[in-house]
Amino acid sequence: MAGVIPENYLDLFEKKAFANLATVMPDGTPQVTPVWCDYDGTHVLVNSARGRRKDKNMESNPAVALSILDPDNPYRYLEVRGRVAEITEEGADEHIDKMAQKYLGQDKYPYRQPGEVRVLYKIKPERTSQMG
């Protein structure tokens, strides 16, 4: 399906479902990281810190893929392929606190490091596939 998250898979963004985010390394090889994710109705949202490998990869190559596994049924998943449409620090601190509430039940993200700059990546879905 092109460019939209299927309605019957939107629940994955409400659950504590981790996504495996694939980015492209400078040498063209894939790099995969488990991440917290969110969906705003248009973009899949991923949050990270400035300077991490996935941050550098998405800055240099916006092509990404995510696989989101249903924590209640490991045979049900959603794959999203697309491009990073926007990278911004604006709203990133609030977003990581929202994700900490969702995934950890905590009001504030507890793993912040001194001097850390949070970054929000807005991924525009181009293709999806699903199972289950």
C-alpha atoms as a PDB file:
ATOM      1  CA  MET A   1       0.000   0.000   0.000  1.00  0.00           C
ATOM      2  CA  ALA A   2       1.434   3.376  -0.931  1.00  0.00           C
ATOM      3  CA  GLY A   3       1.941   6.280   1.422  1.00  0.00           C
ATOM      4  CA  VAL A   4      -0.490   5.529   4.219  1.00  0.00           C
ATOM      5  CA  ILE A   5      -0.570   3.423   7.356  1.00  0.00           C
ATOM      6  CA  PRO A   6      -3.408   0.869   7.060  1.00  0.00           C
ATOM      7  CA  GLU A   7      -6.156   1.667   9.542  1.00  0.00           C
ATOM      8  CA  ASN A   8      -6.162  -1.836  11.026  1.00  0.00           C
ATOM      9  CA  TYR A   9      -2.460  -1.400  11.980  1.00  0.00           C
ATOM     10  CA  LEU A  10      -2.735   2.013  13.656  1.00  0.00           C
ATOM     11  CA  ASP A  11      -3.091   0.247  17.017  1.00  0.00           C
ATOM     12  CA  LEU A  12       0.597  -0.674  16.852  1.00  0.00           C
ATOM     13  CA  PHE A  13       1.411   2.988  17.473  1.00  0.00           C
ATOM     14  CA  GLU A  14      -0.726   2.966  20.626  1.00  0.00           C
ATOM     15  CA  LYS A  15       0.956  -0.129  22.072  1.00  0.00           C
ATOM     16  CA  LYS A  16       4.433  -0.422  23.558  1.00  0.00           C
ATOM     17  CA  ALA A  17       5.561  -1.763  20.194  1.00  0.00           C
ATOM     18  CA  PHE A  18       9.211  -1.203  19.374  1.00  0.00           C
ATOM     19  CA  ALA A  19      10.213  -0.476  15.811  1.00  0.00           C
ATOM     20  CA  ASN A  20      13.400  -1.675  14.194  1.00  0.00           C
ATOM     21  CA  LEU A  21      14.650   1.330  12.243  1.00  0.00           C
ATOM     22  CA  ALA A  22      16.896   0.613   9.258  1.00  0.00           C
ATOM     23  CA  THR A  23      19.092   3.428   7.986  1.00  0.00           C
ATOM     24  CA  VAL A  24      21.865   3.483   5.388  1.00  0.00           C
ATOM     25  CA  MET A  25      25.517   3.785   6.430  1.00  0.00           C
ATOM     26  CA  PRO A  26      27.918   5.994   4.433  1.00  0.00           C
ATOM     27  CA  ASP A  27      29.316   2.863   2.728  1.00  0.00           C
ATOM     28  CA  GLY A  28      25.818   1.808   1.635  1.00  0.00           C
ATOM     29  CA  THR A  29      25.366  -1.001   4.154  1.00  0.00           C
ATOM     30  CA  PRO A  30      22.253  -1.159   6.345  1.00  0.00           C
ATOM     31  CA  GLN A  31      22.237  -0.265  10.035  1.00  0.00           C
ATOM     32  CA  VAL A  32      19.336  -1.297  12.297  1.00  0.00           C
ATOM     33  CA  THR A  33      18.377   0.102  15.700  1.00  0.00           C
ATOM     34  CA  PRO A  34      15.371  -0.658  17.927  1.00  0.00           C
ATOM     35  CA  VAL A  35      13.489   2.598  18.591  1.00  0.00           C
ATOM     36  CA  TRP A  36      10.353   3.968  20.193  1.00  0.00           C
ATOM     37  CA  CYS A  37       7.951   5.290  17.573  1.00  0.00           C
ATOM     38  CA  ASP A  38       4.802   7.319  17.183  1.00  0.00           C
ATOM     39  CA  TYR A  39       2.466   8.333  14.360  1.00  0.00           C
ATOM     40  CA  ASP A  40       0.916  11.788  13.913  1.00  0.00           C
ATOM     41  CA  GLY A  41      -1.504  10.831  11.139  1.00  0.00           C
ATOM     42  CA  THR A  42       0.962  11.806   8.405  1.00  0.00           C
ATOM     43  CA  HIS A  43       4.456  10.885   9.596  1.00  0.00           C
ATOM     44  CA  VAL A  44       6.005   8.112  11.643  1.00  0.00           C
ATOM     45  CA  LEU A  45       7.927   9.893  14.392  1.00  0.00           C
ATOM     46  CA  VAL A  46      11.244   8.708  15.780  1.00  0.00           C
ATOM     47  CA  ASN A  47      13.308  10.508  18.402  1.00  0.00           C
ATOM     48  CA  SER A  48      17.054  10.309  18.966  1.00  0.00           C
ATOM     49  CA  ALA A  49      20.009  12.381  20.123  1.00  0.00           C
ATOM     50  CA  ARG A  50      22.231  14.500  17.914  1.00  0.00           C
ATOM     51  CA  GLY A  51      25.416  12.685  16.890  1.00  0.00           C
ATOM     52  CA  ARG A  52      24.212   9.098  17.189  1.00  0.00           C
ATOM     53  CA  ARG A  53      24.799   6.746  14.261  1.00  0.00           C
ATOM     54  CA  LYS A  54      21.147   6.790  13.126  1.00  0.00           C
ATOM     55  CA  ASP A  55      21.140  10.597  13.357  1.00  0.00           C
ATOM     56  CA  LYS A  56      24.180  10.845  11.099  1.00  0.00           C
ATOM     57  CA  ASN A  57      22.760   8.272   8.690  1.00  0.00           C
ATOM     58  CA  MET A  58      19.371   9.999   8.348  1.00  0.00           C
ATOM     59  CA  GLU A  59      21.080  13.391   7.897  1.00  0.00           C
ATOM     60  CA  SER A  60      23.096  12.069   4.952  1.00  0.00           C
ATOM     61  CA  ASN A  61      20.542   9.659   3.441  1.00  0.00           C
ATOM     62  CA  PRO A  62      16.803  10.088   4.159  1.00  0.00           C
ATOM     63  CA  ALA A  63      15.831   6.579   2.931  1.00  0.00           C
ATOM     64  CA  VAL A  64      14.655   4.447   5.878  1.00  0.00           C
ATOM     65  CA  ALA A  65      12.555   1.419   6.706  1.00  0.00           C
ATOM     66  CA  LEU A  66      10.852   0.393   9.935  1.00  0.00           C
ATOM     67  CA  SER A  67       9.473  -2.923  11.053  1.00  0.00           C
ATOM     68  CA  ILE A  68       7.005  -2.721  13.939  1.00  0.00           C
ATOM     69  CA  LEU A  69       6.222  -6.016  15.666  1.00  0.00           C
ATOM     70  CA  ASP A  70       2.967  -6.411  17.601  1.00  0.00           C
ATOM     71  CA  PRO A  71       3.986  -7.176  21.209  1.00  0.00           C
ATOM     72  CA  ASP A  72       0.758  -9.175  21.628  1.00  0.00           C
ATOM     73  CA  ASN A  73       1.227 -11.293  18.501  1.00  0.00           C
ATOM     74  CA  PRO A  74       4.741 -11.830  17.107  1.00  0.00           C
ATOM     75  CA  TYR A  75       3.258 -13.016  13.799  1.00  0.00           C
ATOM     76  CA  ARG A  76       1.661  -9.599  13.204  1.00  0.00           C
ATOM     77  CA  TYR A  77       3.827  -6.745  11.997  1.00  0.00           C
ATOM     78  CA  LEU A  78       3.886  -3.615   9.894  1.00  0.00           C
ATOM     79  CA  GLU A  79       6.744  -2.639   7.616  1.00  0.00           C
ATOM     80  CA  VAL A  80       7.027   1.006   6.575  1.00  0.00           C
ATOM     81  CA  ARG A  81       9.431   2.218   3.894  1.00  0.00           C
ATOM     82  CA  GLY A  82       9.846   5.898   3.286  1.00  0.00           C
ATOM     83  CA  ARG A  83      11.956   8.996   3.598  1.00  0.00           C
ATOM     84  CA  VAL A  84      12.777  11.349   6.405  1.00  0.00           C
ATOM     85  CA  ALA A  85      10.769  14.424   5.421  1.00  0.00           C
ATOM     86  CA  GLU A  86      11.910  16.613   8.308  1.00  0.00           C
ATOM     87  CA  ILE A  87      14.588  16.609  10.990  1.00  0.00           C
ATOM     88  CA  THR A  88      13.994  19.098  13.785  1.00  0.00           C
ATOM     89  CA  GLU A  89      14.933  19.839  17.366  1.00  0.00           C
ATOM     90  CA  GLU A  90      11.641  21.719  17.785  1.00  0.00           C
ATOM     91  CA  GLY A  91       9.274  19.679  19.968  1.00  0.00           C
ATOM     92  CA  ALA A  92      11.816  16.862  20.358  1.00  0.00           C
ATOM     93  CA  ASP A  93      12.157  17.237  24.151  1.00  0.00           C
ATOM     94  CA  GLU A  94       8.385  17.122  24.622  1.00  0.00           C
ATOM     95  CA  HIS A  95       8.137  14.158  22.265  1.00  0.00           C
ATOM     96  CA  ILE A  96      10.755  12.065  24.100  1.00  0.00           C
ATOM     97  CA  ASP A  97       8.883  12.715  27.361  1.00  0.00           C
ATOM     98  CA  LYS A  98       5.657  11.574  25.654  1.00  0.00           C
ATOM     99  CA  MET A  99       7.455   8.399  24.516  1.00  0.00           C
ATOM    100  CA  ALA A 100       8.822   7.837  28.055  1.00  0.00           C
ATOM    101  CA  GLN A 101       5.230   7.982  29.324  1.00  0.00           C
ATOM    102  CA  LYS A 102       4.082   5.485  26.691  1.00  0.00           C
ATOM    103  CA  TYR A 103       6.966   3.017  26.946  1.00  0.00           C
ATOM    104  CA  LEU A 104       8.114   3.421  30.574  1.00  0.00           C
ATOM    105  CA  GLY A 105       5.148   4.965  32.387  1.00  0.00           C
ATOM    106  CA  GLN A 106       7.364   7.915  33.404  1.00  0.00           C
ATOM    107  CA  ASP A 107       6.583  11.599  32.908  1.00  0.00           C
ATOM    108  CA  LYS A 108      10.168  12.519  31.986  1.00  0.00           C
ATOM    109  CA  TYR A 109      12.674  10.657  29.832  1.00  0.00           C
ATOM    110  CA  PRO A 110      15.063   9.241  32.466  1.00  0.00           C
ATOM    111  CA  TYR A 111      18.097   8.508  30.255  1.00  0.00           C
ATOM    112  CA  ARG A 112      18.967  12.038  29.161  1.00  0.00           C
ATOM    113  CA  GLN A 113      22.706  12.712  29.169  1.00  0.00           C
ATOM    114  CA  PRO A 114      24.302  16.075  30.056  1.00  0.00           C
ATOM    115  CA  GLY A 115      24.444  18.274  26.957  1.00  0.00           C
ATOM    116  CA  GLU A 116      22.269  15.885  24.932  1.00  0.00           C
ATOM    117  CA  VAL A 117      20.300  17.504  22.107  1.00  0.00           C
ATOM    118  CA  ARG A 118      17.122  15.620  21.215  1.00  0.00           C
ATOM    119  CA  VAL A 119      16.059  15.404  17.578  1.00  0.00           C
ATOM    120  CA  LEU A 120      12.691  14.476  16.046  1.00  0.00           C
ATOM    121  CA  TYR A 121      12.595  12.668  12.682  1.00  0.00           C
ATOM    122  CA  LYS A 122       9.382  12.826  10.668  1.00  0.00           C
ATOM    123  CA  ILE A 123       9.255   9.891   8.274  1.00  0.00           C
ATOM    124  CA  LYS A 124       6.834  10.060   5.344  1.00  0.00           C
ATOM    125  CA  PRO A 125       5.577   6.544   4.532  1.00  0.00           C
ATOM    126  CA  GLU A 126       5.934   5.645   0.856  1.00  0.00           C
ATOM    127  CA  ARG A 127       5.128   1.927   0.990  1.00  0.00           C
ATOM    128  CA  THR A 128       3.832  -0.419   3.634  1.00  0.00           C
ATOM    129  CA  SER A 129       3.442  -4.151   3.917  1.00  0.00           C
ATOM    130  CA  GLN A 130       1.962  -6.135   6.729  1.00  0.00           C
ATOM    131  CA  MET A 131       1.296  -9.602   8.069  1.00  0.00           C
ATOM    132  CA  GLY A 132      -1.240 -10.886  10.533  1.00  0.00           C
END
